[in-house]
C-alpha atoms as a PDB file:
ATOM      1  CA  UNK A   1     142.572 110.904  85.581  1.00  0.00           C
ATOM      2  CA  UNK A   2     139.304 112.510  84.418  1.00  0.00           C
ATOM      3  CA  UNK A   3     136.995 110.644  82.019  1.00  0.00           C
ATOM      4  CA  UNK A   4     134.637 112.288  79.593  1.00  0.00           C
ATOM      5  CA  UNK A   5     131.085 111.084  79.576  1.00  0.00           C
ATOM      6  CA  UNK A   6     128.639 112.009  76.834  1.00  0.00           C
ATOM      7  CA  UNK A   7     124.948 112.123  77.186  1.00  0.00           C
ATOM      8  CA  UNK A   8     122.201 112.895  74.699  1.00  0.00           C
ATOM      9  CA  UNK A   9     119.390 115.316  75.634  1.00  0.00           C
ATOM     10  CA  UNK A  10     116.556 116.752  73.842  1.00  0.00           C
ATOM     11  CA  UNK A  11     116.511 120.493  72.910  1.00  0.00           C
ATOM     12  CA  UNK A  12     114.067 121.104  75.643  1.00  0.00           C
ATOM     13  CA  UNK A  13     116.215 119.254  78.205  1.00  0.00           C
ATOM     14  CA  UNK A  14     119.222 121.275  77.072  1.00  0.00           C
ATOM     15  CA  UNK A  15     117.400 124.578  77.622  1.00  0.00           C
ATOM     16  CA  UNK A  16     116.417 123.451  81.128  1.00  0.00           C
ATOM     17  CA  UNK A  17     120.018 122.322  81.899  1.00  0.00           C
ATOM     18  CA  UNK A  18     121.338 125.657  80.651  1.00  0.00           C
ATOM     19  CA  UNK A  19     118.755 127.667  82.641  1.00  0.00           C
ATOM     20  CA  UNK A  20     119.510 125.814  85.885  1.00  0.00           C
ATOM     21  CA  UNK A  21     123.284 125.991  85.391  1.00  0.00           C
ATOM     22  CA  UNK A  22     123.097 129.742  84.672  1.00  0.00           C
ATOM     23  CA  UNK A  23     120.764 130.277  87.710  1.00  0.00           C
ATOM     24  CA  UNK A  24     123.324 128.567  89.987  1.00  0.00           C
ATOM     25  CA  UNK A  25     126.250 130.288  88.172  1.00  0.00           C
ATOM     26  CA  UNK A  26     127.794 127.000  87.166  1.00  0.00           C
ATOM     27  CA  UNK A  27     128.963 125.536  83.850  1.00  0.00           C
ATOM     28  CA  UNK A  28     126.601 122.911  82.297  1.00  0.00           C
ATOM     29  CA  UNK A  29     129.246 120.302  82.899  1.00  0.00           C
ATOM     30  CA  UNK A  30     129.669 121.275  86.606  1.00  0.00           C
ATOM     31  CA  UNK A  31     125.900 121.356  87.074  1.00  0.00           C
ATOM     32  CA  UNK A  32     125.378 117.973  85.417  1.00  0.00           C
ATOM     33  CA  UNK A  33     128.190 116.464  87.456  1.00  0.00           C
ATOM     34  CA  UNK A  34     126.697 117.811  90.775  1.00  0.00           C
ATOM     35  CA  UNK A  35     123.343 116.385  89.751  1.00  0.00           C
ATOM     36  CA  UNK A  36     124.726 112.976  88.955  1.00  0.00           C
ATOM     37  CA  UNK A  37     127.135 112.766  91.869  1.00  0.00           C
ATOM     38  CA  UNK A  38     125.666 114.566  94.800  1.00  0.00           C
ATOM     39  CA  UNK A  39     128.111 115.542  97.565  1.00  0.00           C
ATOM     40  CA  UNK A  40     126.171 113.205  99.993  1.00  0.00           C
ATOM     41  CA  UNK A  41     127.348 110.149  98.177  1.00  0.00           C
ATOM     42  CA  UNK A  42     130.757 108.480  98.546  1.00  0.00           C
ATOM     43  CA  UNK A  43     132.180 105.686  96.419  1.00  0.00           C
ATOM     44  CA  UNK A  44     131.966 102.216  97.894  1.00  0.00           C
ATOM     45  CA  UNK A  45     135.013 100.224  98.679  1.00  0.00           C
ATOM     46  CA  UNK A  46     134.831  98.557  95.381  1.00  0.00           C
ATOM     47  CA  UNK A  47     134.499 101.923  93.665  1.00  0.00           C
ATOM     48  CA  UNK A  48     131.693 100.596  91.416  1.00  0.00           C
ATOM     49  CA  UNK A  49     128.562 101.922  93.170  1.00  0.00           C
ATOM     50  CA  UNK A  50     127.755 105.114  95.109  1.00  0.00           C
ATOM     51  CA  UNK A  51     126.802 104.637  98.705  1.00  0.00           C
ATOM     52  CA  UNK A  52     124.787 107.115 100.765  1.00  0.00           C
ATOM     53  CA  UNK A  53     126.848 108.858 103.456  1.00  0.00           C
ATOM     54  CA  UNK A  54     125.708 108.794 107.031  1.00  0.00           C
ATOM     55  CA  UNK A  55     124.524 112.336 106.624  1.00  0.00           C
ATOM     56  CA  UNK A  56     122.380 111.500 103.599  1.00  0.00           C
ATOM     57  CA  UNK A  57     120.865 108.413 105.315  1.00  0.00           C
ATOM     58  CA  UNK A  58     120.087 110.537 108.318  1.00  0.00           C
ATOM     59  CA  UNK A  59     118.265 113.156 106.226  1.00  0.00           C
ATOM     60  CA  UNK A  60     116.350 110.408 104.352  1.00  0.00           C
ATOM     61  CA  UNK A  61     115.316 108.855 107.675  1.00  0.00           C
ATOM     62  CA  UNK A  62     114.202 112.261 108.953  1.00  0.00           C
ATOM     63  CA  UNK A  63     112.263 112.967 105.816  1.00  0.00           C
ATOM     64  CA  UNK A  64     110.443 109.562 105.937  1.00  0.00           C
ATOM     65  CA  UNK A  65     109.779 110.052 109.667  1.00  0.00           C
ATOM     66  CA  UNK A  66     108.365 113.566 109.047  1.00  0.00           C
ATOM     67  CA  UNK A  67     106.109 112.264 106.146  1.00  0.00           C
ATOM     68  CA  UNK A  68     104.819 109.442 108.320  1.00  0.00           C
ATOM     69  CA  UNK A  69     104.245 111.745 111.314  1.00  0.00           C
ATOM     70  CA  UNK A  70     102.374 114.145 108.982  1.00  0.00           C
ATOM     71  CA  UNK A  71     100.104 111.401 107.710  1.00  0.00           C
ATOM     72  CA  UNK A  72      99.393 110.160 111.234  1.00  0.00           C
ATOM     73  CA  UNK A  73      98.738 113.662 112.409  1.00  0.00           C
ATOM     74  CA  UNK A  74      95.966 114.041 109.717  1.00  0.00           C
ATOM     75  CA  UNK A  75      94.418 110.768 110.752  1.00  0.00           C
ATOM     76  CA  UNK A  76      94.656 111.665 114.492  1.00  0.00           C
ATOM     77  CA  UNK A  77      93.030 115.027 113.745  1.00  0.00           C
ATOM     78  CA  UNK A  78      90.144 113.368 111.968  1.00  0.00           C
ATOM     79  CA  UNK A  79      89.786 110.776 114.777  1.00  0.00           C
ATOM     80  CA  UNK A  80      89.714 113.577 117.275  1.00  0.00           C
ATOM     81  CA  UNK A  81      86.926 115.321 115.351  1.00  0.00           C
ATOM     82  CA  UNK A  82      84.983 112.050 115.246  1.00  0.00           C
ATOM     83  CA  UNK A  83      85.427 111.586 119.058  1.00  0.00           C
ATOM     84  CA  UNK A  84      84.202 115.006 119.771  1.00  0.00           C
ATOM     85  CA  UNK A  85      81.219 114.603 117.446  1.00  0.00           C
ATOM     86  CA  UNK A  86      80.265 111.325 119.074  1.00  0.00           C
ATOM     87  CA  UNK A  87      80.542 112.757 122.556  1.00  0.00           C
ATOM     88  CA  UNK A  88      78.266 115.701 121.568  1.00  0.00           C
ATOM     89  CA  UNK A  89      75.777 113.265 120.062  1.00  0.00           C
ATOM     90  CA  UNK A  90      75.700 111.210 123.128  1.00  0.00           C
ATOM     91  CA  UNK A  91      75.269 114.329 125.385  1.00  0.00           C
ATOM     92  CA  UNK A  92      72.456 115.566 123.111  1.00  0.00           C
ATOM     93  CA  UNK A  93      70.684 112.203 123.110  1.00  0.00           C
ATOM     94  CA  UNK A  94      70.853 111.987 126.927  1.00  0.00           C
ATOM     95  CA  UNK A  95      69.507 115.485 127.289  1.00  0.00           C
ATOM     96  CA  UNK A  96      66.543 114.873 124.942  1.00  0.00           C
ATOM     97  CA  UNK A  97      65.577 111.246 125.716  1.00  0.00           C
ATOM     98  CA  UNK A  98      63.405 110.571 128.759  1.00  0.00           C
ATOM     99  CA  UNK A  99      64.522 107.904 131.266  1.00  0.00           C
ATOM    100  CA  UNK A 100      62.789 104.604 130.747  1.00  0.00           C
ATOM    101  CA  UNK A 101      60.572 103.500 133.623  1.00  0.00           C
ATOM    102  CA  UNK A 102      61.676 100.423 135.498  1.00  0.00           C
ATOM    103  CA  UNK A 103      58.729  98.400 134.259  1.00  0.00           C
ATOM    104  CA  UNK A 104      59.690  98.934 130.571  1.00  0.00           C
ATOM    105  CA  UNK A 105      63.463  98.617 130.789  1.00  0.00           C
ATOM    106  CA  UNK A 106      63.665  94.948 129.823  1.00  0.00           C
ATOM    107  CA  UNK A 107      61.525  95.445 126.755  1.00  0.00           C
ATOM    108  CA  UNK A 108      63.446  98.612 125.820  1.00  0.00           C
ATOM    109  CA  UNK A 109      66.839  96.883 126.297  1.00  0.00           C
ATOM    110  CA  UNK A 110      65.758  94.090 123.956  1.00  0.00           C
ATOM    111  CA  UNK A 111      64.590  96.684 121.403  1.00  0.00           C
ATOM    112  CA  UNK A 112      67.717  98.701 121.737  1.00  0.00           C
ATOM    113  CA  UNK A 113      69.852  95.600 121.209  1.00  0.00           C
ATOM    114  CA  UNK A 114      67.920  94.573 118.195  1.00  0.00           C
ATOM    115  CA  UNK A 115      68.199  98.026 116.638  1.00  0.00           C
ATOM    116  CA  UNK A 116      71.871  98.281 117.515  1.00  0.00           C
ATOM    117  CA  UNK A 117      72.470  94.952 115.817  1.00  0.00           C
ATOM    118  CA  UNK A 118      70.614  96.212 112.678  1.00  0.00           C
ATOM    119  CA  UNK A 119      72.634  99.436 112.583  1.00  0.00           C
ATOM    120  CA  UNK A 120      75.910  97.433 112.963  1.00  0.00           C
ATOM    121  CA  UNK A 121      74.833  95.201 110.045  1.00  0.00           C
ATOM    122  CA  UNK A 122      73.985  98.248 107.881  1.00  0.00           C
ATOM    123  CA  UNK A 123      77.344  99.900 108.733  1.00  0.00           C
ATOM    124  CA  UNK A 124      79.133  96.687 107.866  1.00  0.00           C
ATOM    125  CA  UNK A 125      77.384  96.626 104.557  1.00  0.00           C
ATOM    126  CA  UNK A 126      78.256 100.236 103.793  1.00  0.00           C
ATOM    127  CA  UNK A 127      81.930  99.631 104.674  1.00  0.00           C
ATOM    128  CA  UNK A 128      82.059  96.551 102.449  1.00  0.00           C
ATOM    129  CA  UNK A 129      80.545  98.522  99.528  1.00  0.00           C
ATOM    130  CA  UNK A 130      82.803 101.563  99.946  1.00  0.00           C
ATOM    131  CA  UNK A 131      85.960  99.495 100.376  1.00  0.00           C
ATOM    132  CA  UNK A 132      85.056  97.134  97.514  1.00  0.00           C
ATOM    133  CA  UNK A 133      84.565 100.230  95.253  1.00  0.00           C
ATOM    134  CA  UNK A 134      87.914 101.767  96.416  1.00  0.00           C
ATOM    135  CA  UNK A 135      90.131  98.673  96.319  1.00  0.00           C
ATOM    136  CA  UNK A 136      88.257  95.809  94.717  1.00  0.00           C
ATOM    137  CA  UNK A 137      88.471  93.701  97.880  1.00  0.00           C
ATOM    138  CA  UNK A 138      85.526  91.643  99.059  1.00  0.00           C
ATOM    139  CA  UNK A 139      86.621  90.898 102.674  1.00  0.00           C
ATOM    140  CA  UNK A 140      87.054  93.810 105.145  1.00  0.00           C
ATOM    141  CA  UNK A 141      87.768  93.775 108.892  1.00  0.00           C
ATOM    142  CA  UNK A 142      86.011  96.614 110.555  1.00  0.00           C
ATOM    143  CA  UNK A 143      87.281  98.409 113.673  1.00  0.00           C
ATOM    144  CA  UNK A 144      85.544  96.216 116.268  1.00  0.00           C
ATOM    145  CA  UNK A 145      87.148  93.114 114.744  1.00  0.00           C
ATOM    146  CA  UNK A 146      84.111  91.761 112.985  1.00  0.00           C
ATOM    147  CA  UNK A 147      84.511  90.665 109.344  1.00  0.00           C
ATOM    148  CA  UNK A 148      82.585  92.710 106.798  1.00  0.00           C
END
Protein backbone atom coordinates (compact mmCIF):
# COMPACT_ATOMS: atom_id res chain seq x y z
CA UNK A 1 0.00 0.00 0.00
CA UNK A 2 1.29 3.47 -0.84
CA UNK A 3 0.71 6.32 1.60
CA UNK A 4 0.42 9.94 0.55
CA UNK A 5 2.59 12.45 2.42
CA UNK A 6 1.92 16.17 2.19
CA UNK A 7 4.59 18.80 2.75
CA UNK A 8 4.44 22.56 2.72
CA UNK A 9 6.98 24.55 0.74
CA UNK A 10 7.41 28.20 -0.08
CA UNK A 11 6.89 29.49 -3.62
CA UNK A 12 10.66 29.75 -4.01
CA UNK A 13 11.18 26.17 -2.84
CA UNK A 14 8.48 24.96 -5.24
CA UNK A 15 10.20 26.69 -8.14
CA UNK A 16 13.47 24.99 -7.15
CA UNK A 17 11.76 21.58 -6.90
CA UNK A 18 10.11 22.00 -10.29
CA UNK A 19 13.37 23.11 -11.86
CA UNK A 20 15.39 20.18 -10.48
CA UNK A 21 12.66 17.65 -11.31
CA UNK A 22 12.43 18.96 -14.88
CA UNK A 23 16.20 18.96 -15.23
CA UNK A 24 16.26 15.29 -14.23
CA UNK A 25 13.12 14.54 -16.28
CA UNK A 26 11.18 13.33 -13.24
CA UNK A 27 7.85 14.22 -11.73
CA UNK A 28 8.02 16.46 -8.65
CA UNK A 29 6.69 13.56 -6.58
CA UNK A 30 9.36 11.13 -7.85
CA UNK A 31 12.13 13.72 -7.40
CA UNK A 32 11.01 14.50 -3.82
CA UNK A 33 10.78 10.79 -3.01
CA UNK A 34 14.29 10.13 -4.32
CA UNK A 35 15.60 13.06 -2.29
CA UNK A 36 13.87 11.85 0.88
CA UNK A 37 14.64 8.14 0.41
CA UNK A 38 17.97 7.76 -1.38
CA UNK A 39 18.64 4.39 -3.00
CA UNK A 40 21.60 3.89 -0.64
CA UNK A 41 19.30 3.51 2.35
CA UNK A 42 17.41 0.38 3.36
CA UNK A 43 14.68 0.09 5.99
CA UNK A 44 15.85 -1.37 9.29
CA UNK A 45 14.48 -4.62 10.70
CA UNK A 46 11.91 -2.65 12.70
CA UNK A 47 10.98 -0.70 9.57
CA UNK A 48 10.97 2.57 11.52
CA UNK A 49 14.32 4.09 10.62
CA UNK A 50 16.42 4.12 7.48
CA UNK A 51 19.85 2.54 7.86
CA UNK A 52 22.78 3.25 5.56
CA UNK A 53 23.64 0.38 3.26
CA UNK A 54 27.20 -0.98 3.25
CA UNK A 55 27.81 0.84 -0.06
CA UNK A 56 26.70 4.16 1.45
CA UNK A 57 28.84 3.60 4.54
CA UNK A 58 31.84 2.77 2.35
CA UNK A 59 31.38 5.97 0.31
CA UNK A 60 31.05 8.01 3.50
CA UNK A 61 34.22 6.48 4.95
CA UNK A 62 36.08 7.15 1.70
CA UNK A 63 34.85 10.75 1.63
CA UNK A 64 35.94 11.37 5.22
CA UNK A 65 39.28 9.66 4.58
CA UNK A 66 39.80 11.84 1.50
CA UNK A 67 38.94 15.02 3.39
CA UNK A 68 41.31 14.14 6.23
CA UNK A 69 44.09 13.19 3.82
CA UNK A 70 43.58 16.45 1.93
CA UNK A 71 43.84 18.45 5.15
CA UNK A 72 46.96 16.56 6.20
CA UNK A 73 48.50 17.05 2.78
CA UNK A 74 48.16 20.80 3.15
CA UNK A 75 49.81 20.74 6.57
CA UNK A 76 52.56 18.45 5.29
CA UNK A 77 53.18 20.76 2.33
CA UNK A 78 53.50 23.74 4.67
CA UNK A 79 55.79 21.77 6.98
CA UNK A 80 57.98 20.77 4.04
CA UNK A 81 58.25 24.43 3.05
CA UNK A 82 59.31 25.40 6.57
CA UNK A 83 61.90 22.61 6.65
CA UNK A 84 63.42 23.75 3.34
CA UNK A 85 63.44 27.38 4.52
CA UNK A 86 65.13 26.41 7.79
CA UNK A 87 67.72 24.32 5.96
CA UNK A 88 68.51 27.21 3.58
CA UNK A 89 68.76 29.60 6.54
CA UNK A 90 71.20 27.29 8.34
CA UNK A 91 73.33 26.88 5.21
CA UNK A 92 73.41 30.64 4.64
CA UNK A 93 74.34 31.31 8.28
CA UNK A 94 77.14 28.74 8.17
CA UNK A 95 78.47 30.22 4.93
CA UNK A 96 78.51 33.81 6.22
CA UNK A 97 79.54 33.42 9.84
CA UNK A 98 83.21 33.03 10.65
CA UNK A 99 84.33 30.15 12.83
CA UNK A 100 84.91 31.06 16.45
CA UNK A 101 88.51 30.75 17.65
CA UNK A 102 89.09 28.13 20.35
CA UNK A 103 89.90 30.76 23.01
CA UNK A 104 86.51 32.46 22.55
CA UNK A 105 84.29 29.37 22.19
CA UNK A 106 83.22 29.09 25.85
CA UNK A 107 82.15 32.73 26.02
CA UNK A 108 80.45 32.45 22.60
CA UNK A 109 78.58 29.31 23.72
CA UNK A 110 77.27 31.05 26.85
CA UNK A 111 76.14 34.06 24.79
CA UNK A 112 74.51 31.80 22.20
CA UNK A 113 72.63 29.85 24.87
CA UNK A 114 71.43 33.09 26.48
CA UNK A 115 70.30 34.53 23.14
CA UNK A 116 68.65 31.24 22.19
CA UNK A 117 66.75 31.16 25.48
CA UNK A 118 65.58 34.75 24.94
CA UNK A 119 64.49 33.86 21.41
CA UNK A 120 62.53 30.83 22.68
CA UNK A 121 60.85 33.02 25.29
CA UNK A 122 59.80 35.54 22.65
CA UNK A 123 58.45 32.79 20.37
CA UNK A 124 56.49 31.37 23.30
CA UNK A 125 55.00 34.81 24.01
CA UNK A 126 54.05 35.26 20.36
CA UNK A 127 52.39 31.83 20.23
CA UNK A 128 50.48 32.58 23.43
CA UNK A 129 49.25 35.90 22.04
CA UNK A 130 48.29 34.48 18.62
CA UNK A 131 46.48 31.47 20.02
CA UNK A 132 44.72 33.50 22.70
CA UNK A 133 43.41 35.82 19.99
CA UNK A 134 42.31 32.91 17.82
CA UNK A 135 40.68 30.71 20.44
CA UNK A 136 40.54 32.54 23.74
CA UNK A 137 42.78 29.95 25.42
CA UNK A 138 45.42 31.02 27.89
CA UNK A 139 47.57 27.87 28.14
CA UNK A 140 49.31 26.57 25.00
CA UNK A 141 51.71 23.67 24.55
CA UNK A 142 54.35 24.49 21.96
CA UNK A 143 55.97 21.95 19.64
CA UNK A 144 58.96 21.28 21.90
CA UNK A 145 56.65 20.35 24.77
CA UNK A 146 57.13 23.52 26.81
CA UNK A 147 54.00 25.19 28.12
CA UNK A 148 53.38 28.62 26.74
